[in-house]
Amino acid sequence: MEYMSDTAQADKPPLEQAEDRPPSAPRTRDTGPLRREQALFVESRAARQYRERFHPGIDARQWSDWHWQLKNRLTSSERFAATLGLTADEAAAFAGAAGLRLPVAVTPYYASLLHAERLAGGSALGRTMLPSAGEFPTACHELADPLGEEHDSPVPGIVHRYPDRVLFLVTDFCAAYCRYCTRSRRVGRPEAKSRMTRVWDQAVAYIAAHPEVRDVLISGGDPLMLSDAALEYILSRVTAIPHVEIVRIGTKAPVVLPQRITPRLTRMLRRYHPLLMSVHCTHPAELTPETVQAFGRLADAGIPLGSQTVLLTGVNDDAQVMGDLFRGLLKARVRPYYLYLCDQAAGTTHFRTPVTRGLEIIRALRGFTSGYALPHFVVDLPGGGGKTPLCPDYIAGTDGQDIVFRNWEGREYRLHDPSSAAILARGGALS
C-alpha cells in the first residue's frame, strides 16, 4: 500500500510543482469529530481580520481545518501581490521564477502574519518566506548539499553521520518553504518524490539492522504534513525496534500551520513515548495565540519541546529580538535548544551573518535572561563535519597561578588554578 496525497493544490502556478503535494494515508471522512476538533482552535485578531478580508466565505471552523489551509496556500505572484503587495525585489524574483531553487508557498494562516507585519511596516517574516533576487547567484563556497547529507546516506531516506543516531527523511513536502532552507535541493521538487511505504520500510530495516542506533530524528520536509495514519505507520515501526531509545520529530508545523496540531494528532503521538520534538521558530512575531496553543497541546501530551532557530541577517540578528524570541518560547513551554549559523546552501549569502554576530548576541543575553532561555550557538560544518558549538570567550588572561575571567557585566574575577593557568600562560588552550 502506498501513502499518497489526499490534498491537491488549489492552484499550481509555475513556482509550485505538481509533485509538491502533502503525502498522506487515505483518511475516512469522520466529519463529526473533525468539526468538533476544529471548533477548539483559537483565532488571533490578525488572523480573523485577514480571513474576513481575503476569505470572506470561509468561517472560523473551515479556517481551522489544516487540509483547507494546505489546499489554499499562496503560491503565485498574483495572490501575494493581491494580499500583501510585493516589493520591487520580490516582484523581480517572481519574474525570474525559473531560476528559483525551491517553490514559494505560504499557508493562509501564515499569510495573515505577513499581512499584519506589512501593515506595521515590518519585513522580517516576509524576508524568510518570499523570494528575493539574492537567491539567484551562488557564491563559490555555497553548495547544493551544504551538510554533505547525500554522502552519509546509506539507503534512501537515511542520513547516518553520528555513531548512535540517524536522520530519517520521510517526506519532501512542507506547508511553507523557508528561503534559506538547507535542503532546497530536494524539497518540493519533481525529483524529490514523497516517501512511500516501501521506502520507509527500507529505512526502518536499516535502523533495525544497526543496533548502535539509539536515537532517530524524523524530519524531511516536514513529517507533520503526513496524515495521522501515515505518521503512525512510521512511528509504530521505529519505536518497535528494541535498540531505539528515543525518537525525535523535526517540524515547523506549529509555527506555519498550527491547525495541524489537533487533539487527535496529540492523542496518537502520546502513544509513542519517549518522543521529543524540535520546532523551527525564527522570530517572536511567530509566537501567536494559535502557535502557543499548539505548543501547549504538544507539551500536555508529554512531548518535550525544543526550538531550533537560524540566525538570519535582517530577520533576527539582534539581541533584543532574540531575547524576546527565547523568553517567549520558554513561556510557551519550548526550551530554546539550538541557534544555528545559516548553512552555506546555494543562494543564501544574503541571509548569512558573521560568526561574531552570533557570539555577540549570546554574550549580550548571558546574565540578562534565564539560562533556560539560552540555546547552544552552533555551526553545522560544511561538507558533513557535524554540529560544532561556539561560545564567547570569558577568559581574559592569567595572573600568576590565577585565571582571570571577565563575567557578563564585564568585571574581572580570579580563579586560583595553577595547572590550568600554566597551560594558558604557555599559549595553550583549555579543552
Protein backbone atom coordinates (compact mmCIF):
# COMPACT_ATOMS: atom_id res chain seq x y z
CA MET A 1 0.00 0.00 0.00
CA GLU A 2 1.33 3.47 -0.86
CA TYR A 3 0.57 6.57 1.15
CA MET A 4 -0.33 9.15 -1.45
CA SER A 5 -1.60 12.70 -1.26
CA ASP A 6 -5.17 13.47 -0.30
CA THR A 7 -4.65 17.23 -0.53
CA ALA A 8 -4.28 18.52 -4.07
CA GLN A 9 -3.22 22.09 -4.74
CA ALA A 10 -5.95 24.64 -5.33
CA ASP A 11 -3.68 26.31 -7.89
CA LYS A 12 -0.40 25.26 -9.48
CA PRO A 13 1.46 28.33 -10.74
CA PRO A 14 4.93 27.91 -12.29
CA LEU A 15 6.68 28.19 -8.93
CA GLU A 16 4.68 25.32 -7.45
CA GLN A 17 5.37 21.87 -8.86
CA ALA A 18 2.50 19.43 -9.30
CA GLU A 19 4.50 16.88 -7.30
CA ASP A 20 4.66 19.24 -4.33
CA ARG A 21 1.70 17.75 -2.50
CA PRO A 22 1.41 16.60 1.09
CA PRO A 23 1.80 12.81 1.29
CA SER A 24 -0.75 11.10 3.45
CA ALA A 25 -2.61 7.91 4.04
CA PRO A 26 -6.20 7.65 2.88
CA ARG A 27 -8.41 9.10 5.61
CA THR A 28 -12.01 8.48 6.40
CA ARG A 29 -14.46 11.36 6.48
CA ASP A 30 -15.33 11.29 10.17
CA THR A 31 -16.79 14.76 9.90
CA GLY A 32 -18.50 14.87 13.28
CA PRO A 33 -15.39 14.57 15.50
CA LEU A 34 -13.37 16.56 12.94
CA ARG A 35 -15.76 19.50 13.12
CA ARG A 36 -15.74 19.38 16.92
CA GLU A 37 -11.94 19.46 16.96
CA GLN A 38 -11.85 22.44 14.56
CA ALA A 39 -14.05 24.37 16.97
CA LEU A 40 -11.35 24.02 19.63
CA PHE A 41 -8.84 26.29 17.89
CA VAL A 42 -8.17 29.85 18.94
CA GLU A 43 -8.04 32.55 16.30
CA SER A 44 -5.98 35.69 16.76
CA ARG A 45 -7.33 39.08 15.84
CA ALA A 46 -4.86 39.40 12.94
CA ALA A 47 -5.91 36.03 11.53
CA ARG A 48 -9.60 36.83 11.85
CA GLN A 49 -9.21 40.19 10.11
CA TYR A 50 -7.20 38.59 7.32
CA ARG A 51 -9.75 35.78 6.90
CA GLU A 52 -12.69 38.15 6.79
CA ARG A 53 -10.99 40.37 4.22
CA PHE A 54 -9.42 37.83 1.87
CA HIS A 55 -11.58 34.73 2.50
CA PRO A 56 -14.99 36.22 3.26
CA GLY A 57 -16.85 32.98 2.53
CA ILE A 58 -14.77 30.93 4.98
CA ASP A 59 -15.86 30.67 8.59
CA ALA A 60 -13.59 30.07 11.56
CA ARG A 61 -14.33 26.33 11.51
CA GLN A 62 -13.15 25.92 7.91
CA TRP A 63 -10.15 28.15 8.58
CA SER A 64 -9.14 25.80 11.39
CA ASP A 65 -9.07 22.77 9.06
CA TRP A 66 -5.41 22.12 8.26
CA HIS A 67 -6.37 20.42 5.00
CA TRP A 68 -8.16 23.60 3.90
CA GLN A 69 -5.08 25.61 4.84
CA LEU A 70 -2.86 23.42 2.64
CA LYS A 71 -5.27 23.43 -0.30
CA ASN A 72 -5.42 27.22 -0.21
CA ARG A 73 -1.75 28.08 0.16
CA LEU A 74 -0.49 31.19 -1.56
CA THR A 75 1.93 30.12 -4.29
CA SER A 76 1.65 32.68 -7.11
CA SER A 77 2.93 36.21 -7.50
CA GLU A 78 -0.63 37.31 -8.29
CA ARG A 79 -2.02 36.10 -4.98
CA PHE A 80 0.87 37.51 -2.98
CA ALA A 81 0.54 40.85 -4.77
CA ALA A 82 -3.21 40.95 -4.13
CA THR A 83 -2.94 40.19 -0.42
CA LEU A 84 0.44 41.54 0.69
CA GLY A 85 1.77 43.68 -2.11
CA LEU A 86 5.23 42.88 -3.47
CA THR A 87 8.42 44.88 -3.15
CA ALA A 88 10.42 45.51 -6.32
CA ASP A 89 12.91 42.86 -5.21
CA GLU A 90 10.19 40.26 -4.60
CA ALA A 91 8.48 41.04 -7.90
CA ALA A 92 11.78 40.64 -9.73
CA ALA A 93 12.36 37.28 -8.04
CA PHE A 94 8.90 36.05 -9.05
CA ALA A 95 9.54 37.25 -12.59
CA GLY A 96 12.62 35.04 -12.71
CA ALA A 97 10.81 32.11 -11.11
CA ALA A 98 12.52 29.51 -13.29
CA GLY A 99 15.78 30.31 -11.54
CA LEU A 100 14.50 29.81 -8.01
CA ARG A 101 15.80 26.73 -6.22
CA LEU A 102 12.65 25.86 -4.32
CA PRO A 103 8.93 26.63 -4.58
CA VAL A 104 7.20 29.53 -2.92
CA ALA A 105 4.30 28.57 -0.68
CA VAL A 106 2.69 30.07 2.43
CA THR A 107 -0.43 28.95 4.27
CA PRO A 108 -3.28 31.47 4.59
CA TYR A 109 -2.68 31.43 8.34
CA TYR A 110 0.98 32.44 7.95
CA ALA A 111 0.00 34.94 5.26
CA SER A 112 -2.09 36.65 7.95
CA LEU A 113 1.13 37.17 9.92
CA LEU A 114 2.87 38.57 6.86
CA HIS A 115 -0.08 40.87 6.22
CA ALA A 116 -0.07 42.19 9.79
CA GLU A 117 3.69 42.68 9.62
CA ARG A 118 3.47 44.70 6.39
CA LEU A 119 0.71 46.88 7.80
CA ALA A 120 3.08 47.66 10.69
CA GLY A 121 5.94 48.45 8.30
CA GLY A 122 7.98 45.32 9.13
CA SER A 123 9.71 42.84 6.85
CA ALA A 124 11.39 40.14 8.98
CA LEU A 125 8.88 37.31 8.41
CA GLY A 126 8.38 38.22 4.77
CA ARG A 127 12.10 38.02 4.19
CA THR A 128 12.08 34.38 5.33
CA MET A 129 9.21 33.28 3.06
CA LEU A 130 9.08 35.48 -0.03
CA PRO A 131 11.67 35.13 -2.80
CA SER A 132 14.45 37.62 -3.33
CA ALA A 133 16.79 38.32 -6.21
CA GLY A 134 19.53 37.40 -3.74
CA GLU A 135 18.61 33.74 -4.26
CA PHE A 136 19.79 33.64 -7.87
CA PRO A 137 23.58 33.94 -7.55
CA THR A 138 25.59 31.11 -5.99
CA ALA A 139 28.77 32.05 -4.15
CA CYS A 140 31.86 29.91 -4.69
CA HIS A 141 31.63 28.47 -1.17
CA GLU A 142 27.93 27.59 -1.39
CA LEU A 143 26.74 24.05 -2.08
CA ALA A 144 23.51 22.35 -3.13
CA ASP A 145 24.11 19.87 -0.31
CA PRO A 146 25.95 22.05 2.22
CA LEU A 147 25.97 19.46 5.02
CA GLY A 148 27.09 16.53 2.86
CA GLU A 149 23.96 14.54 3.67
CA GLU A 150 23.98 12.57 0.44
CA HIS A 151 27.47 11.29 1.22
CA ASP A 152 26.24 9.90 4.56
CA SER A 153 23.07 8.32 3.16
CA PRO A 154 23.43 4.52 3.02
CA VAL A 155 19.81 3.98 1.89
CA PRO A 156 17.15 6.40 0.63
CA GLY A 157 15.72 8.49 3.45
CA ILE A 158 18.51 7.80 5.97
CA VAL A 159 21.46 10.02 6.89
CA HIS A 160 23.80 8.22 9.28
CA ARG A 161 26.54 10.60 10.37
CA TYR A 162 26.84 10.25 14.12
CA PRO A 163 27.52 6.79 15.58
CA ASP A 164 24.36 6.42 17.67
CA ARG A 165 21.73 8.35 15.75
CA VAL A 166 20.22 8.68 12.30
CA LEU A 167 18.23 11.29 10.40
CA PHE A 168 15.13 9.75 8.80
CA LEU A 169 13.78 11.93 5.96
CA VAL A 170 10.19 10.81 5.49
CA THR A 171 8.83 13.47 3.12
CA ASP A 172 9.95 16.35 0.92
CA PHE A 173 6.78 18.39 1.44
CA CYS A 174 6.45 21.48 3.67
CA ALA A 175 3.46 23.69 4.42
CA ALA A 176 5.68 26.72 3.74
CA TYR A 177 9.18 26.97 2.28
CA CYS A 178 11.85 28.91 4.15
CA ARG A 179 14.03 30.71 1.65
CA TYR A 180 17.23 29.72 3.49
CA CYS A 181 16.41 26.00 3.53
CA THR A 182 19.44 23.73 3.78
CA ARG A 183 17.57 21.07 1.74
CA SER A 184 16.42 23.37 -1.06
CA ARG A 185 17.97 20.82 -3.44
CA ARG A 186 15.11 18.40 -2.73
CA VAL A 187 12.07 19.89 -1.01
CA GLY A 188 9.06 20.50 -3.23
CA ARG A 189 10.91 19.43 -6.37
CA PRO A 190 9.72 16.97 -9.03
CA GLU A 191 12.82 14.83 -8.48
CA ALA A 192 12.15 14.62 -4.73
CA LYS A 193 9.08 12.37 -4.67
CA SER A 194 7.16 11.85 -1.45
CA ARG A 195 8.33 8.84 0.52
CA MET A 196 6.12 5.79 0.07
CA THR A 197 5.78 2.84 2.43
CA ARG A 198 8.33 0.74 0.58
CA VAL A 199 10.96 3.47 1.03
CA TRP A 200 10.02 3.97 4.67
CA ASP A 201 10.22 0.21 5.23
CA GLN A 202 13.68 0.10 3.68
CA ALA A 203 14.80 2.89 6.02
CA VAL A 204 13.28 1.16 9.05
CA ALA A 205 15.03 -2.07 8.05
CA TYR A 206 18.34 -0.19 8.02
CA ILE A 207 17.73 1.14 11.54
CA ALA A 208 16.75 -2.33 12.76
CA ALA A 209 19.94 -3.79 11.29
CA HIS A 210 22.18 -1.29 13.13
CA PRO A 211 21.98 -1.89 16.90
CA GLU A 212 24.25 1.10 17.58
CA VAL A 213 21.38 3.44 16.59
CA ARG A 214 19.52 4.52 19.70
CA ASP A 215 18.18 7.91 18.56
CA VAL A 216 16.08 8.53 15.42
CA LEU A 217 15.29 12.06 14.22
CA ILE A 218 12.31 12.04 11.86
CA SER A 219 12.48 15.02 9.53
CA GLY A 220 12.00 15.99 5.90
CA GLY A 221 10.41 18.21 4.58
CA ASP A 222 8.01 18.32 7.47
CA PRO A 223 6.85 14.99 8.95
CA LEU A 224 3.70 16.56 10.36
CA MET A 225 2.47 17.11 6.81
CA LEU A 226 1.83 13.37 6.70
CA SER A 227 -1.60 12.18 7.73
CA ASP A 228 -2.01 10.83 11.23
CA ALA A 229 -2.20 7.30 9.79
CA ALA A 230 0.99 7.68 7.75
CA LEU A 231 2.89 9.23 10.64
CA GLU A 232 1.71 6.48 12.99
CA TYR A 233 2.79 3.88 10.42
CA ILE A 234 6.34 5.23 10.72
CA LEU A 235 6.35 5.79 14.48
CA SER A 236 4.96 2.36 15.28
CA ARG A 237 7.69 0.63 13.30
CA VAL A 238 10.58 2.74 14.51
CA THR A 239 9.60 2.53 18.19
CA ALA A 240 9.15 -1.24 17.90
CA ILE A 241 12.90 -1.63 17.28
CA PRO A 242 14.37 -2.74 20.63
CA HIS A 243 17.59 -0.70 20.49
CA VAL A 244 15.85 2.59 19.56
CA GLU A 245 15.65 4.51 22.83
CA ILE A 246 14.19 7.84 21.72
CA VAL A 247 12.50 9.30 18.67
CA ARG A 248 12.50 12.98 17.74
CA ILE A 249 10.40 14.85 15.19
CA GLY A 250 11.68 17.99 13.48
CA THR A 251 8.90 20.33 12.33
CA LYS A 252 7.81 23.90 11.63
CA ALA A 253 4.12 22.98 11.53
CA PRO A 254 3.17 24.55 14.90
CA VAL A 255 4.50 27.85 13.55
CA VAL A 256 3.29 27.91 9.93
CA LEU A 257 0.27 25.62 10.32
CA PRO A 258 -0.73 25.40 14.00
CA GLN A 259 -4.11 23.99 12.92
CA ARG A 260 -2.26 20.74 12.24
CA ILE A 261 -1.81 20.17 15.99
CA THR A 262 -5.19 18.63 16.62
CA PRO A 263 -6.29 16.74 19.73
CA ARG A 264 -6.49 13.66 17.52
CA LEU A 265 -2.86 14.04 16.49
CA THR A 266 -1.60 14.52 20.04
CA ARG A 267 -3.59 11.51 21.24
CA MET A 268 -1.78 9.43 18.66
CA LEU A 269 1.67 10.89 19.38
CA ARG A 270 1.49 10.24 23.11
CA ARG A 271 1.33 6.51 22.42
CA TYR A 272 4.96 6.55 21.25
CA HIS A 273 6.94 7.93 24.16
CA PRO A 274 9.72 8.73 24.71
CA LEU A 275 9.00 11.15 21.88
CA LEU A 276 10.60 14.60 21.60
CA MET A 277 10.01 17.42 19.14
CA SER A 278 12.29 20.09 17.68
CA VAL A 279 10.36 23.11 16.44
CA HIS A 280 11.77 25.61 13.96
CA CYS A 281 10.94 29.14 15.16
CA THR A 282 12.59 32.26 13.77
CA HIS A 283 11.07 35.43 15.19
CA PRO A 284 8.92 36.48 18.19
CA ALA A 285 6.14 37.57 15.83
CA GLU A 286 5.56 33.87 15.17
CA LEU A 287 4.51 33.29 18.78
CA THR A 288 0.83 33.92 18.14
CA PRO A 289 -2.06 32.61 20.25
CA GLU A 290 -2.52 29.84 17.68
CA THR A 291 1.11 28.72 17.86
CA VAL A 292 1.23 28.96 21.66
CA GLN A 293 -1.91 26.80 21.79
CA ALA A 294 -0.26 24.24 19.50
CA PHE A 295 2.83 24.15 21.72
CA GLY A 296 0.62 23.69 24.76
CA ARG A 297 -1.19 20.75 23.22
CA LEU A 298 2.08 19.03 22.42
CA ALA A 299 3.50 19.73 25.87
CA ASP A 300 0.31 18.49 27.52
CA ALA A 301 0.78 15.26 25.55
CA GLY A 302 4.08 14.80 27.41
CA ILE A 303 6.30 15.75 24.47
CA PRO A 304 9.42 17.74 25.46
CA LEU A 305 9.76 20.65 23.04
CA GLY A 306 13.00 22.29 21.94
CA SER A 307 13.42 25.10 19.44
CA GLN A 308 15.82 25.46 16.55
CA THR A 309 16.46 28.96 15.26
CA VAL A 310 18.60 30.06 12.33
CA LEU A 311 20.49 33.34 12.69
CA LEU A 312 19.46 35.47 9.69
CA THR A 313 20.52 38.92 8.51
CA GLY A 314 17.65 41.38 8.59
CA VAL A 315 15.39 38.93 10.42
CA ASN A 316 16.66 38.15 13.90
CA ASP A 317 20.32 39.26 14.04
CA ASP A 318 19.60 41.46 17.02
CA ALA A 319 19.98 40.69 20.73
CA GLN A 320 16.64 42.27 21.66
CA VAL A 321 14.77 40.28 19.03
CA MET A 322 16.49 37.05 20.04
CA GLY A 323 15.89 37.69 23.72
CA ASP A 324 12.18 38.27 23.07
CA LEU A 325 12.03 35.08 21.00
CA PHE A 326 13.82 32.86 23.50
CA ARG A 327 11.89 34.16 26.50
CA GLY A 328 8.63 33.86 24.57
CA LEU A 329 9.43 30.28 23.63
CA LEU A 330 10.20 29.41 27.23
CA LYS A 331 6.88 30.91 28.35
CA ALA A 332 5.21 28.75 25.70
CA ARG A 333 6.88 25.64 27.22
CA VAL A 334 9.52 25.34 24.50
CA ARG A 335 13.17 25.16 25.56
CA PRO A 336 15.46 27.15 23.22
CA TYR A 337 17.84 24.43 22.05
CA TYR A 338 19.91 25.44 19.02
CA LEU A 339 20.81 28.76 17.44
CA TYR A 340 22.33 27.91 14.06
CA LEU A 341 24.62 29.92 11.87
CA CYS A 342 22.91 29.88 8.48
CA ASP A 343 24.20 26.97 6.39
CA GLN A 344 26.15 27.66 3.20
CA ALA A 345 23.30 26.47 0.98
CA ALA A 346 23.23 27.76 -2.58
CA GLY A 347 21.70 31.22 -2.91
CA THR A 348 21.71 32.16 0.78
CA THR A 349 24.57 34.67 1.00
CA HIS A 350 22.12 37.49 1.73
CA PHE A 351 20.93 35.66 4.86
CA ARG A 352 24.25 34.79 6.50
CA THR A 353 25.78 36.75 9.34
CA PRO A 354 29.38 36.58 10.56
CA VAL A 355 30.08 34.08 13.33
CA THR A 356 30.98 37.03 15.52
CA ARG A 357 27.40 38.32 15.36
CA GLY A 358 26.06 35.14 16.91
CA LEU A 359 28.68 35.29 19.65
CA GLU A 360 27.80 38.93 20.33
CA ILE A 361 24.12 38.02 20.73
CA ILE A 362 24.85 35.17 23.13
CA ARG A 363 27.17 37.41 25.14
CA ALA A 364 24.52 40.16 25.24
CA LEU A 365 21.91 37.73 26.59
CA ARG A 366 24.07 35.85 29.08
CA GLY A 367 23.32 37.08 32.58
CA PHE A 368 20.38 39.17 31.43
CA THR A 369 17.98 36.29 30.92
CA SER A 370 17.41 32.83 32.35
CA GLY A 371 19.91 30.17 31.41
CA TYR A 372 16.99 28.03 30.29
CA ALA A 373 16.30 30.68 27.64
CA LEU A 374 19.79 30.49 26.12
CA PRO A 375 20.31 28.00 23.29
CA HIS A 376 23.55 26.42 22.11
CA PHE A 377 25.07 28.53 19.33
CA VAL A 378 26.34 26.04 16.75
CA VAL A 379 27.78 25.81 13.27
CA ASP A 380 26.78 22.75 11.25
CA LEU A 381 30.10 22.41 9.49
CA PRO A 382 30.05 22.34 5.68
CA GLY A 383 30.63 19.02 3.99
CA GLY A 384 29.35 16.89 6.85
CA GLY A 385 31.54 17.98 9.75
CA GLY A 386 28.58 18.00 12.12
CA LYS A 387 27.35 20.46 14.71
CA THR A 388 30.13 22.36 16.48
CA PRO A 389 29.25 24.60 19.46
CA LEU A 390 30.54 28.14 19.78
CA CYS A 391 30.71 30.17 22.98
CA PRO A 392 32.00 33.64 23.82
CA ASP A 393 35.42 33.53 25.48
CA TYR A 394 35.14 34.67 29.08
CA ILE A 395 38.80 34.07 29.90
CA ALA A 396 40.59 37.41 29.96
CA GLY A 397 44.07 36.01 30.70
CA THR A 398 46.19 34.83 33.62
CA ASP A 399 47.79 36.41 36.67
CA GLY A 400 50.43 34.15 38.15
CA GLN A 401 48.63 30.99 39.22
CA ASP A 402 45.19 32.52 38.70
CA ILE A 403 42.94 32.51 35.66
CA VAL A 404 41.33 35.90 35.06
CA PHE A 405 37.69 35.75 33.95
CA ARG A 406 35.51 38.54 32.60
CA ASN A 407 31.88 37.99 33.59
CA TRP A 408 28.63 39.01 31.92
CA GLU A 409 28.92 42.51 33.41
CA GLY A 410 32.44 42.97 32.07
CA ARG A 411 34.00 42.71 35.54
CA GLU A 412 37.13 40.67 36.12
CA TYR A 413 37.39 37.85 38.65
CA ARG A 414 40.24 35.49 39.52
CA LEU A 415 40.11 31.74 39.98
CA HIS A 416 43.10 30.02 41.59
CA ASP A 417 44.01 27.13 39.26
CA PRO A 418 47.82 26.75 38.91
CA SER A 419 47.86 23.92 36.36
CA SER A 420 45.32 25.49 34.00
CA ALA A 421 46.90 28.95 34.37
CA ALA A 422 50.25 27.45 33.38
CA ILE A 423 48.75 25.99 30.20
CA LEU A 424 47.23 29.34 29.27
CA ALA A 425 50.45 31.19 30.06
CA ARG A 426 52.30 28.94 27.59
CA GLY A 427 49.78 29.86 24.89
CA GLY A 428 47.85 26.63 25.20
CA ALA A 429 44.10 26.14 25.25
CA LEU A 430 41.85 24.57 27.84
CA SER A 431 39.97 21.75 26.15
